[in-house]
Amino acid sequence: MSNWLLVPPIAFMLILLVSILMTLVSSTLSFKGAKDCPGKLKSYGCGEDVPNPRLQPDYTQFFAFAFFFTVMHVIALIVATAPAGTMQIAGVAALYFLCALSGLFILFRK
């Protein structure tokens, strides 16, 4: 085999070794210790002292949009890659489109 670097296990180990070396080098260059600089771990907002609030984000409204985004991209992938010559594949793509469309109507009903 002339291209031994293209063998997946060897390429993985090489990339892993390079990333470990980069991590070690960058950790030696980074600023150490909050003892020397007590404000290192504090929040910063334009020179003001900002208290550290604990936010609890609510993702319930985000789910509908993420689901819509995912379904629409999968529909586009299925319909766009369906071969034009066969009616059977076009029927499956149309059926998939209709099922996904009905799922989106159910998702966004009021």
PDB file of N, CA and C in Angstrom:
ATOM      1  N   MET A   1       0.857  -1.171   0.000  1.00  0.00           N
ATOM      2  CA  MET A   1       0.000   0.000   0.000  1.00  0.00           C
ATOM      3  C   MET A   1       0.903   1.232   0.000  1.00  0.00           C
ATOM      4  N   SER A   2       0.751   2.053  -1.001  1.00  0.00           N
ATOM      5  CA  SER A   2       1.652   3.196  -1.154  1.00  0.00           C
ATOM      6  C   SER A   2       1.233   4.377  -0.287  1.00  0.00           C
ATOM      7  N   ASN A   3      -0.044   4.532  -0.018  1.00  0.00           N
ATOM      8  CA  ASN A   3      -0.525   5.652   0.785  1.00  0.00           C
ATOM      9  C   ASN A   3      -0.939   5.159   2.171  1.00  0.00           C
ATOM     10  N   TRP A   4       0.016   4.839   2.991  1.00  0.00           N
ATOM     11  CA  TRP A   4      -0.281   4.282   4.309  1.00  0.00           C
ATOM     12  C   TRP A   4      -0.881   5.321   5.251  1.00  0.00           C
ATOM     13  N   LEU A   5      -0.713   6.603   4.936  1.00  0.00           N
ATOM     14  CA  LEU A   5      -1.327   7.645   5.757  1.00  0.00           C
ATOM     15  C   LEU A   5      -2.843   7.705   5.574  1.00  0.00           C
ATOM     16  N   LEU A   6      -3.343   7.122   4.495  1.00  0.00           N
ATOM     17  CA  LEU A   6      -4.783   7.140   4.240  1.00  0.00           C
ATOM     18  C   LEU A   6      -5.520   5.978   4.893  1.00  0.00           C
ATOM     19  N   VAL A   7      -4.813   5.084   5.544  1.00  0.00           N
ATOM     20  CA  VAL A   7      -5.459   3.992   6.262  1.00  0.00           C
ATOM     21  C   VAL A   7      -6.125   4.598   7.503  1.00  0.00           C
ATOM     22  N   PRO A   8      -7.438   4.400   7.699  1.00  0.00           N
ATOM     23  CA  PRO A   8      -8.147   5.085   8.779  1.00  0.00           C
ATOM     24  C   PRO A   8      -7.546   4.930  10.173  1.00  0.00           C
ATOM     25  N   PRO A   9      -7.144   3.744  10.633  1.00  0.00           N
ATOM     26  CA  PRO A   9      -6.571   3.688  11.982  1.00  0.00           C
ATOM     27  C   PRO A   9      -5.261   4.482  12.120  1.00  0.00           C
ATOM     28  N   ILE A  10      -4.440   4.449  11.087  1.00  0.00           N
ATOM     29  CA  ILE A  10      -3.175   5.181  11.141  1.00  0.00           C
ATOM     30  C   ILE A  10      -3.435   6.686  11.095  1.00  0.00           C
ATOM     31  N   ALA A  11      -4.356   7.111  10.238  1.00  0.00           N
ATOM     32  CA  ALA A  11      -4.696   8.536  10.165  1.00  0.00           C
ATOM     33  C   ALA A  11      -5.298   9.009  11.483  1.00  0.00           C
ATOM     34  N   PHE A  12      -6.147   8.180  12.102  1.00  0.00           N
ATOM     35  CA  PHE A  12      -6.741   8.544  13.388  1.00  0.00           C
ATOM     36  C   PHE A  12      -5.673   8.701  14.453  1.00  0.00           C
ATOM     37  N   MET A  13      -4.762   7.746  14.538  1.00  0.00           N
ATOM     38  CA  MET A  13      -3.713   7.826  15.552  1.00  0.00           C
ATOM     39  C   MET A  13      -2.804   9.032  15.319  1.00  0.00           C
ATOM     40  N   LEU A  14      -2.504   9.335  14.068  1.00  0.00           N
ATOM     41  CA  LEU A  14      -1.667  10.490  13.757  1.00  0.00           C
ATOM     42  C   LEU A  14      -2.355  11.789  14.151  1.00  0.00           C
ATOM     43  N   ILE A  15      -3.629  11.928  13.822  1.00  0.00           N
ATOM     44  CA  ILE A  15      -4.375  13.133  14.187  1.00  0.00           C
ATOM     45  C   ILE A  15      -4.525  13.231  15.699  1.00  0.00           C
ATOM     46  N   LEU A  16      -4.748  12.102  16.364  1.00  0.00           N
ATOM     47  CA  LEU A  16      -4.846  12.097  17.821  1.00  0.00           C
ATOM     48  C   LEU A  16      -3.532  12.538  18.455  1.00  0.00           C
ATOM     49  N   LEU A  17      -2.429  12.057  17.948  1.00  0.00           N
ATOM     50  CA  LEU A  17      -1.121  12.440  18.470  1.00  0.00           C
ATOM     51  C   LEU A  17      -0.859  13.927  18.263  1.00  0.00           C
ATOM     52  N   VAL A  18      -1.185  14.441  17.092  1.00  0.00           N
ATOM     53  CA  VAL A  18      -0.980  15.868  16.822  1.00  0.00           C
ATOM     54  C   VAL A  18      -1.864  16.716  17.738  1.00  0.00           C
ATOM     55  N   SER A  19      -3.108  16.301  17.956  1.00  0.00           N
ATOM     56  CA  SER A  19      -3.996  17.085  18.819  1.00  0.00           C
ATOM     57  C   SER A  19      -3.540  17.049  20.274  1.00  0.00           C
ATOM     58  N   ILE A  20      -3.026  15.915  20.738  1.00  0.00           N
ATOM     59  CA  ILE A  20      -2.499  15.846  22.103  1.00  0.00           C
ATOM     60  C   ILE A  20      -1.278  16.745  22.250  1.00  0.00           C
ATOM     61  N   LEU A  21      -0.407  16.740  21.265  1.00  0.00           N
ATOM     62  CA  LEU A  21       0.766  17.620  21.307  1.00  0.00           C
ATOM     63  C   LEU A  21       0.372  19.092  21.301  1.00  0.00           C
ATOM     64  N   MET A  22      -0.623  19.446  20.494  1.00  0.00           N
ATOM     65  CA  MET A  22      -1.090  20.832  20.464  1.00  0.00           C
ATOM     66  C   MET A  22      -1.701  21.234  21.799  1.00  0.00           C
ATOM     67  N   THR A  23      -2.421  20.310  22.446  1.00  0.00           N
ATOM     68  CA  THR A  23      -2.998  20.593  23.757  1.00  0.00           C
ATOM     69  C   THR A  23      -1.916  20.822  24.793  1.00  0.00           C
ATOM     70  N   LEU A  24      -0.891  19.993  24.781  1.00  0.00           N
ATOM     71  CA  LEU A  24       0.195  20.155  25.741  1.00  0.00           C
ATOM     72  C   LEU A  24       0.959  21.457  25.527  1.00  0.00           C
ATOM     73  N   VAL A  25       1.216  21.803  24.277  1.00  0.00           N
ATOM     74  CA  VAL A  25       1.939  23.042  23.990  1.00  0.00           C
ATOM     75  C   VAL A  25       1.099  24.252  24.377  1.00  0.00           C
ATOM     76  N   SER A  26      -0.179  24.238  24.056  1.00  0.00           N
ATOM     77  CA  SER A  26      -1.016  25.390  24.382  1.00  0.00           C
ATOM     78  C   SER A  26      -1.258  25.510  25.881  1.00  0.00           C
ATOM     79  N   SER A  27      -1.255  24.393  26.615  1.00  0.00           N
ATOM     80  CA  SER A  27      -1.431  24.488  28.067  1.00  0.00           C
ATOM     81  C   SER A  27      -0.190  25.071  28.738  1.00  0.00           C
ATOM     82  N   THR A  28       0.969  24.895  28.154  1.00  0.00           N
ATOM     83  CA  THR A  28       2.167  25.509  28.733  1.00  0.00           C
ATOM     84  C   THR A  28       2.196  27.014  28.460  1.00  0.00           C
ATOM     85  N   LEU A  29       1.546  27.457  27.399  1.00  0.00           N
ATOM     86  CA  LEU A  29       1.544  28.878  27.058  1.00  0.00           C
ATOM     87  C   LEU A  29       0.414  29.651  27.732  1.00  0.00           C
ATOM     88  N   SER A  30      -0.580  28.968  28.257  1.00  0.00           N
ATOM     89  CA  SER A  30      -1.749  29.653  28.808  1.00  0.00           C
ATOM     90  C   SER A  30      -1.443  30.279  30.164  1.00  0.00           C
ATOM     91  N   PHE A  31      -2.258  31.257  30.521  1.00  0.00           N
ATOM     92  CA  PHE A  31      -2.107  31.951  31.800  1.00  0.00           C
ATOM     93  C   PHE A  31      -2.549  31.031  32.926  1.00  0.00           C
ATOM     94  N   LYS A  32      -1.734  30.924  33.945  1.00  0.00           N
ATOM     95  CA  LYS A  32      -2.013  30.006  35.040  1.00  0.00           C
ATOM     96  C   LYS A  32      -2.513  30.755  36.262  1.00  0.00           C
ATOM     97  N   GLY A  33      -3.371  30.108  36.973  1.00  0.00           N
ATOM     98  CA  GLY A  33      -3.715  30.501  38.325  1.00  0.00           C
ATOM     99  C   GLY A  33      -4.615  31.684  38.512  1.00  0.00           C
ATOM    100  N   ALA A  34      -5.694  31.446  39.235  1.00  0.00           N
ATOM    101  CA  ALA A  34      -6.559  32.535  39.660  1.00  0.00           C
ATOM    102  C   ALA A  34      -6.023  33.175  40.924  1.00  0.00           C
ATOM    103  N   LYS A  35      -4.990  32.582  41.511  1.00  0.00           N
ATOM    104  CA  LYS A  35      -4.403  33.145  42.723  1.00  0.00           C
ATOM    105  C   LYS A  35      -3.704  34.467  42.417  1.00  0.00           C
ATOM    106  N   ASP A  36      -3.029  34.536  41.272  1.00  0.00           N
ATOM    107  CA  ASP A  36      -2.310  35.749  40.893  1.00  0.00           C
ATOM    108  C   ASP A  36      -3.264  36.856  40.463  1.00  0.00           C
ATOM    109  N   CYS A  37      -4.367  36.477  39.876  1.00  0.00           N
ATOM    110  CA  CYS A  37      -5.328  37.443  39.356  1.00  0.00           C
ATOM    111  C   CYS A  37      -6.722  37.050  39.842  1.00  0.00           C
ATOM    112  N   PRO A  38      -7.205  37.638  40.926  1.00  0.00           N
ATOM    113  CA  PRO A  38      -8.475  37.187  41.502  1.00  0.00           C
ATOM    114  C   PRO A  38      -9.690  37.456  40.616  1.00  0.00           C
ATOM    115  N   GLY A  39      -9.589  38.367  39.691  1.00  0.00           N
ATOM    116  CA  GLY A  39     -10.728  38.671  38.839  1.00  0.00           C
ATOM    117  C   GLY A  39     -10.803  37.827  37.588  1.00  0.00           C
ATOM    118  N   LYS A  40      -9.923  36.829  37.447  1.00  0.00           N
ATOM    119  CA  LYS A  40      -9.881  36.030  36.223  1.00  0.00           C
ATOM    120  C   LYS A  40     -11.169  35.251  36.005  1.00  0.00           C
ATOM    121  N   LEU A  41     -11.733  34.729  37.062  1.00  0.00           N
ATOM    122  CA  LEU A  41     -12.908  33.880  36.925  1.00  0.00           C
ATOM    123  C   LEU A  41     -14.220  34.631  37.107  1.00  0.00           C
ATOM    124  N   LYS A  42     -14.172  35.945  37.243  1.00  0.00           N
ATOM    125  CA  LYS A  42     -15.388  36.731  37.427  1.00  0.00           C
ATOM    126  C   LYS A  42     -15.980  37.130  36.078  1.00  0.00           C
ATOM    127  N   SER A  43     -17.286  37.372  36.080  1.00  0.00           N
ATOM    128  CA  SER A  43     -17.949  37.860  34.871  1.00  0.00           C
ATOM    129  C   SER A  43     -17.511  39.293  34.599  1.00  0.00           C
ATOM    130  N   TYR A  44     -17.483  39.657  33.327  1.00  0.00           N
ATOM    131  CA  TYR A  44     -17.042  40.998  32.957  1.00  0.00           C
ATOM    132  C   TYR A  44     -18.068  41.595  32.018  1.00  0.00           C
ATOM    133  N   GLY A  45     -18.504  42.794  32.320  1.00  0.00           N
ATOM    134  CA  GLY A  45     -19.448  43.483  31.452  1.00  0.00           C
ATOM    135  C   GLY A  45     -19.101  44.946  31.340  1.00  0.00           C
ATOM    136  N   CYS A  46     -18.265  45.320  30.404  1.00  0.00           N
ATOM    137  CA  CYS A  46     -17.903  46.710  30.106  1.00  0.00           C
ATOM    138  C   CYS A  46     -17.331  47.440  31.319  1.00  0.00           C
ATOM    139  N   GLY A  47     -16.495  46.772  32.086  1.00  0.00           N
ATOM    140  CA  GLY A  47     -15.854  47.404  33.226  1.00  0.00           C
ATOM    141  C   GLY A  47     -16.667  47.368  34.502  1.00  0.00           C
ATOM    142  N   GLU A  48     -17.884  46.828  34.439  1.00  0.00           N
ATOM    143  CA  GLU A  48     -18.723  46.754  35.626  1.00  0.00           C
ATOM    144  C   GLU A  48     -18.571  45.393  36.286  1.00  0.00           C
ATOM    145  N   ASP A  49     -18.742  45.370  37.607  1.00  0.00           N
ATOM    146  CA  ASP A  49     -18.790  44.095  38.311  1.00  0.00           C
ATOM    147  C   ASP A  49     -20.196  43.527  38.155  1.00  0.00           C
ATOM    148  N   VAL A  50     -20.280  42.396  37.532  1.00  0.00           N
ATOM    149  CA  VAL A  50     -21.566  41.767  37.251  1.00  0.00           C
ATOM    150  C   VAL A  50     -21.679  40.511  38.105  1.00  0.00           C
ATOM    151  N   PRO A  51     -22.781  40.355  38.841  1.00  0.00           N
ATOM    152  CA  PRO A  51     -22.938  39.121  39.603  1.00  0.00           C
ATOM    153  C   PRO A  51     -23.121  37.929  38.666  1.00  0.00           C
ATOM    154  N   ASN A  52     -22.736  36.764  39.130  1.00  0.00           N
ATOM    155  CA  ASN A  52     -22.862  35.558  38.318  1.00  0.00           C
ATOM    156  C   ASN A  52     -24.249  34.950  38.490  1.00  0.00           C
ATOM    157  N   PRO A  53     -25.166  35.235  37.578  1.00  0.00           N
ATOM    158  CA  PRO A  53     -26.494  34.634  37.708  1.00  0.00           C
ATOM    159  C   PRO A  53     -26.477  33.200  37.189  1.00  0.00           C
ATOM    160  N   ARG A  54     -27.313  32.380  37.755  1.00  0.00           N
ATOM    161  CA  ARG A  54     -27.479  31.002  37.280  1.00  0.00           C
ATOM    162  C   ARG A  54     -28.702  30.972  36.380  1.00  0.00           C
ATOM    163  N   LEU A  55     -28.467  30.889  35.091  1.00  0.00           N
ATOM    164  CA  LEU A  55     -29.568  30.860  34.133  1.00  0.00           C
ATOM    165  C   LEU A  55     -30.048  29.442  33.923  1.00  0.00           C
ATOM    166  N   GLN A  56     -31.337  29.287  33.823  1.00  0.00           N
ATOM    167  CA  GLN A  56     -31.949  28.011  33.496  1.00  0.00           C
ATOM    168  C   GLN A  56     -32.721  28.198  32.188  1.00  0.00           C
ATOM    169  N   PRO A  57     -32.058  28.005  31.049  1.00  0.00           N
ATOM    170  CA  PRO A  57     -32.750  28.231  29.776  1.00  0.00           C
ATOM    171  C   PRO A  57     -33.869  27.219  29.565  1.00  0.00           C
ATOM    172  N   ASP A  58     -34.925  27.686  28.928  1.00  0.00           N
ATOM    173  CA  ASP A  58     -36.083  26.850  28.641  1.00  0.00           C
ATOM    174  C   ASP A  58     -36.102  26.568  27.138  1.00  0.00           C
ATOM    175  N   TYR A  59     -35.969  25.301  26.791  1.00  0.00           N
ATOM    176  CA  TYR A  59     -35.873  24.924  25.383  1.00  0.00           C
ATOM    177  C   TYR A  59     -37.176  24.363  24.837  1.00  0.00           C
ATOM    178  N   THR A  60     -38.277  24.537  25.534  1.00  0.00           N
ATOM    179  CA  THR A  60     -39.523  23.939  25.064  1.00  0.00           C
ATOM    180  C   THR A  60     -40.006  24.583  23.760  1.00  0.00           C
ATOM    181  N   GLN A  61     -39.819  25.880  23.602  1.00  0.00           N
ATOM    182  CA  GLN A  61     -40.234  26.526  22.357  1.00  0.00           C
ATOM    183  C   GLN A  61     -39.236  26.277  21.233  1.00  0.00           C
ATOM    184  N   PHE A  62     -38.006  25.957  21.581  1.00  0.00           N
ATOM    185  CA  PHE A  62     -36.974  25.709  20.582  1.00  0.00           C
ATOM    186  C   PHE A  62     -37.197  24.383  19.861  1.00  0.00           C
ATOM    187  N   PHE A  63     -37.817  23.406  20.531  1.00  0.00           N
ATOM    188  CA  PHE A  63     -37.984  22.081  19.958  1.00  0.00           C
ATOM    189  C   PHE A  63     -38.769  22.115  18.651  1.00  0.00           C
ATOM    190  N   ALA A  64     -39.837  22.893  18.594  1.00  0.00           N
ATOM    191  CA  ALA A  64     -40.658  22.940  17.380  1.00  0.00           C
ATOM    192  C   ALA A  64     -39.857  23.448  16.192  1.00  0.00           C
ATOM    193  N   PHE A  65     -39.055  24.461  16.403  1.00  0.00           N
ATOM    194  CA  PHE A  65     -38.254  25.004  15.295  1.00  0.00           C
ATOM    195  C   PHE A  65     -37.131  24.048  14.891  1.00  0.00           C
ATOM    196  N   ALA A  66     -36.529  23.384  15.856  1.00  0.00           N
ATOM    197  CA  ALA A  66     -35.488  22.404  15.531  1.00  0.00           C
ATOM    198  C   ALA A  66     -36.074  21.229  14.767  1.00  0.00           C
ATOM    199  N   PHE A  67     -37.253  20.774  15.173  1.00  0.00           N
ATOM    200  CA  PHE A  67     -37.917  19.682  14.480  1.00  0.00           C
ATOM    201  C   PHE A  67     -38.293  20.101  13.061  1.00  0.00           C
ATOM    202  N   PHE A  68     -38.826  21.317  12.901  1.00  0.00           N
ATOM    203  CA  PHE A  68     -39.178  21.836  11.588  1.00  0.00           C
ATOM    204  C   PHE A  68     -37.953  21.905  10.679  1.00  0.00           C
ATOM    205  N   PHE A  69     -36.851  22.426  11.199  1.00  0.00           N
ATOM    206  CA  PHE A  69     -35.609  22.534  10.441  1.00  0.00           C
ATOM    207  C   PHE A  69     -35.130  21.153   9.989  1.00  0.00           C
ATOM    208  N   THR A  70     -35.151  20.187  10.903  1.00  0.00           N
ATOM    209  CA  THR A  70     -34.680  18.842  10.581  1.00  0.00           C
ATOM    210  C   THR A  70     -35.563  18.186   9.531  1.00  0.00           C
ATOM    211  N   VAL A  71     -36.870  18.257   9.720  1.00  0.00           N
ATOM    212  CA  VAL A  71     -37.790  17.607   8.782  1.00  0.00           C
ATOM    213  C   VAL A  71     -37.685  18.239   7.406  1.00  0.00           C
ATOM    214  N   MET A  72     -37.607  19.546   7.326  1.00  0.00           N
ATOM    215  CA  MET A  72     -37.531  20.198   6.016  1.00  0.00           C
ATOM    216  C   MET A  72     -36.229  19.861   5.287  1.00  0.00           C
ATOM    217  N   HIS A  73     -35.148  19.733   6.009  1.00  0.00           N
ATOM    218  CA  HIS A  73     -33.898  19.377   5.346  1.00  0.00           C
ATOM    219  C   HIS A  73     -33.894  17.915   4.900  1.00  0.00           C
ATOM    220  N   VAL A  74     -34.496  17.043   5.676  1.00  0.00           N
ATOM    221  CA  VAL A  74     -34.584  15.645   5.255  1.00  0.00           C
ATOM    222  C   VAL A  74     -35.510  15.515   4.056  1.00  0.00           C
ATOM    223  N   ILE A  75     -36.614  16.259   4.046  1.00  0.00           N
ATOM    224  CA  ILE A  75     -37.513  16.250   2.883  1.00  0.00           C
ATOM    225  C   ILE A  75     -36.766  16.719   1.641  1.00  0.00           C
ATOM    226  N   ALA A  76     -36.025  17.808   1.768  1.00  0.00           N
ATOM    227  CA  ALA A  76     -35.274  18.316   0.621  1.00  0.00           C
ATOM    228  C   ALA A  76     -34.254  17.301   0.133  1.00  0.00           C
ATOM    229  N   LEU A  77     -33.604  16.603   1.048  1.00  0.00           N
ATOM    230  CA  LEU A  77     -32.620  15.593   0.670  1.00  0.00           C
ATOM    231  C   LEU A  77     -33.278  14.422  -0.045  1.00  0.00           C
ATOM    232  N   ILE A  78     -34.392  13.925   0.489  1.00  0.00           N
ATOM    233  CA  ILE A  78     -35.076  12.776  -0.117  1.00  0.00           C
ATOM    234  C   ILE A  78     -35.645  13.127  -1.481  1.00  0.00           C
ATOM    235  N   VAL A  79     -36.331  14.250  -1.575  1.00  0.00           N
ATOM    236  CA  VAL A  79     -36.967  14.624  -2.841  1.00  0.00           C
ATOM    237  C   VAL A  79     -35.920  14.996  -3.888  1.00  0.00           C
ATOM    238  N   ALA A  80     -34.864  15.667  -3.499  1.00  0.00           N
ATOM    239  CA  ALA A  80     -33.854  16.096  -4.462  1.00  0.00           C
ATOM    240  C   ALA A  80     -33.009  14.936  -4.978  1.00  0.00           C
ATOM    241  N   THR A  81     -32.837  13.895  -4.186  1.00  0.00           N
ATOM    242  CA  THR A  81     -32.001  12.784  -4.623  1.00  0.00           C
ATOM    243  C   THR A  81     -32.800  11.628  -5.198  1.00  0.00           C
ATOM    244  N   ALA A  82     -34.109  11.781  -5.311  1.00  0.00           N
ATOM    245  CA  ALA A  82     -34.919  10.727  -5.928  1.00  0.00           C
ATOM    246  C   ALA A  82     -34.656  10.711  -7.429  1.00  0.00           C
ATOM    247  N   PRO A  83     -34.399   9.536  -8.007  1.00  0.00           N
ATOM    248  CA  PRO A  83     -34.149   9.471  -9.451  1.00  0.00           C
ATOM    249  C   PRO A  83     -35.386   9.890 -10.243  1.00  0.00           C
ATOM    250  N   ALA A  84     -35.166  10.586 -11.317  1.00  0.00           N
ATOM    251  CA  ALA A  84     -36.280  11.117 -12.101  1.00  0.00           C
ATOM    252  C   ALA A  84     -36.924  10.059 -12.983  1.00  0.00           C
ATOM    253  N   GLY A  85     -36.209   9.002 -13.303  1.00  0.00           N
ATOM    254  CA  GLY A  85     -36.718   8.042 -14.263  1.00  0.00           C
ATOM    255  C   GLY A  85     -37.770   7.084 -13.746  1.00  0.00           C
ATOM    256  N   THR A  86     -37.806   6.792 -12.477  1.00  0.00           N
ATOM    257  CA  THR A  86     -38.729   5.777 -11.984  1.00  0.00           C
ATOM    258  C   THR A  86     -39.893   6.419 -11.256  1.00  0.00           C
ATOM    259  N   MET A  87     -41.085   5.953 -11.556  1.00  0.00           N
ATOM    260  CA  MET A  87     -42.288   6.465 -10.909  1.00  0.00           C
ATOM    261  C   MET A  87     -42.417   5.928  -9.488  1.00  0.00           C
ATOM    262  N   GLN A  88     -41.883   4.738  -9.241  1.00  0.00           N
ATOM    263  CA  GLN A  88     -42.009   4.143  -7.921  1.00  0.00           C
ATOM    264  C   GLN A  88     -41.255   4.977  -6.883  1.00  0.00           C
ATOM    265  N   ILE A  89     -40.041   5.396  -7.211  1.00  0.00           N
ATOM    266  CA  ILE A  89     -39.250   6.215  -6.288  1.00  0.00           C
ATOM    267  C   ILE A  89     -39.888   7.588  -6.130  1.00  0.00           C
ATOM    268  N   ALA A  90     -40.417   8.146  -7.205  1.00  0.00           N
ATOM    269  CA  ALA A  90     -41.094   9.442  -7.120  1.00  0.00           C
ATOM    270  C   ALA A  90     -42.333   9.335  -6.235  1.00  0.00           C
ATOM    271  N   GLY A  91     -43.025   8.215  -6.289  1.00  0.00           N
ATOM    272  CA  GLY A  91     -44.188   8.013  -5.427  1.00  0.00           C
ATOM    273  C   GLY A  91     -43.794   7.915  -3.968  1.00  0.00           C
ATOM    274  N   VAL A  92     -42.694   7.220  -3.694  1.00  0.00           N
ATOM    275  CA  VAL A  92     -42.206   7.118  -2.314  1.00  0.00           C
ATOM    276  C   VAL A  92     -41.789   8.498  -1.805  1.00  0.00           C
ATOM    277  N   ALA A  93     -41.120   9.282  -2.641  1.00  0.00           N
ATOM    278  CA  ALA A  93     -40.709  10.627  -2.241  1.00  0.00           C
ATOM    279  C   ALA A  93     -41.926  11.513  -1.987  1.00  0.00           C
ATOM    280  N   ALA A  94     -42.945  11.390  -2.831  1.00  0.00           N
ATOM    281  CA  ALA A  94     -44.165  12.178  -2.631  1.00  0.00           C
ATOM    282  C   ALA A  94     -44.895  11.743  -1.363  1.00  0.00           C
ATOM    283  N   LEU A  95     -44.934  10.444  -1.096  1.00  0.00           N
ATOM    284  CA  LEU A  95     -45.566   9.944   0.122  1.00  0.00           C
ATOM    285  C   LEU A  95     -44.804  10.433   1.358  1.00  0.00           C
ATOM    286  N   TYR A  96     -43.499  10.413   1.296  1.00  0.00           N
ATOM    287  CA  TYR A  96     -42.684  10.912   2.400  1.00  0.00           C
ATOM    288  C   TYR A  96     -42.938  12.396   2.618  1.00  0.00           C
ATOM    289  N   PHE A  97     -43.040  13.137   1.541  1.00  0.00           N
ATOM    290  CA  PHE A  97     -43.316  14.571   1.625  1.00  0.00           C
ATOM    291  C   PHE A  97     -44.668  14.829   2.275  1.00  0.00           C
ATOM    292  N   LEU A  98     -45.678  14.070   1.891  1.00  0.00           N
ATOM    293  CA  LEU A  98     -47.014  14.260   2.466  1.00  0.00           C
ATOM    294  C   LEU A  98     -47.047  13.883   3.950  1.00  0.00           C
ATOM    295  N   CYS A  99     -46.357  12.813   4.321  1.00  0.00           N
ATOM    296  CA  CYS A  99     -46.300  12.419   5.734  1.00  0.00           C
ATOM    297  C   CYS A  99     -45.585  13.471   6.565  1.00  0.00           C
ATOM    298  N   ALA A 100     -44.492  13.997   6.058  1.00  0.00           N
ATOM    299  CA  ALA A 100     -43.758  15.030   6.785  1.00  0.00           C
ATOM    300  C   ALA A 100     -44.572  16.312   6.876  1.00  0.00           C
ATOM    301  N   LEU A 101     -45.297  16.637   5.802  1.00  0.00           N
ATOM    302  CA  LEU A 101     -46.148  17.827   5.813  1.00  0.00           C
ATOM    303  C   LEU A 101     -47.263  17.694   6.840  1.00  0.00           C
ATOM    304  N   SER A 102     -47.864  16.512   6.928  1.00  0.00           N
ATOM    305  CA  SER A 102     -48.903  16.317   7.936  1.00  0.00           C
ATOM    306  C   SER A 102     -48.312  16.376   9.348  1.00  0.00           C
ATOM    307  N   GLY A 103     -47.105  15.857   9.528  1.00  0.00           N
ATOM    308  CA  GLY A 103     -46.443  15.952  10.828  1.00  0.00           C
ATOM    309  C   GLY A 103     -46.173  17.401  11.213  1.00  0.00           C
ATOM    310  N   LEU A 104     -45.796  18.231  10.250  1.00  0.00           N
ATOM    311  CA  LEU A 104     -45.561  19.634  10.546  1.00  0.00           C
ATOM    312  C   LEU A 104     -46.852  20.367  10.862  1.00  0.00           C
ATOM    313  N   PHE A 105     -47.955  20.000  10.168  1.00  0.00           N
ATOM    314  CA  PHE A 105     -49.247  20.589  10.524  1.00  0.00           C
ATOM    315  C   PHE A 105     -49.656  20.232  11.934  1.00  0.00           C
ATOM    316  N   ILE A 106     -49.407  18.997  12.343  1.00  0.00           N
ATOM    317  CA  ILE A 106     -49.714  18.584  13.705  1.00  0.00           C
ATOM    318  C   ILE A 106     -48.824  19.319  14.699  1.00  0.00           C
ATOM    319  N   LEU A 107     -47.573  19.517  14.353  1.00  0.00           N
ATOM    320  CA  LEU A 107     -46.647  20.189  15.247  1.00  0.00           C
ATOM    321  C   LEU A 107     -47.050  21.641  15.509  1.00  0.00           C
ATOM    322  N   PHE A 108     -47.482  22.335  14.485  1.00  0.00           N
ATOM    323  CA  PHE A 108     -47.780  23.771  14.611  1.00  0.00           C
ATOM    324  C   PHE A 108     -49.256  24.069  14.722  1.00  0.00           C
ATOM    325  N   ARG A 109     -50.083  23.110  15.089  1.00  0.00           N
ATOM    326  CA  ARG A 109     -51.511  23.379  15.257  1.00  0.00           C
ATOM    327  C   ARG A 109     -51.728  24.235  16.512  1.00  0.00           C
ATOM    328  N   LYS A 110     -52.843  24.915  16.546  1.00  0.00           N
ATOM    329  CA  LYS A 110     -53.108  25.783  17.717  1.00  0.00           C
ATOM    330  C   LYS A 110     -54.193  25.211  18.574  1.00  0.00           C
TER     331      LYS A 110
END
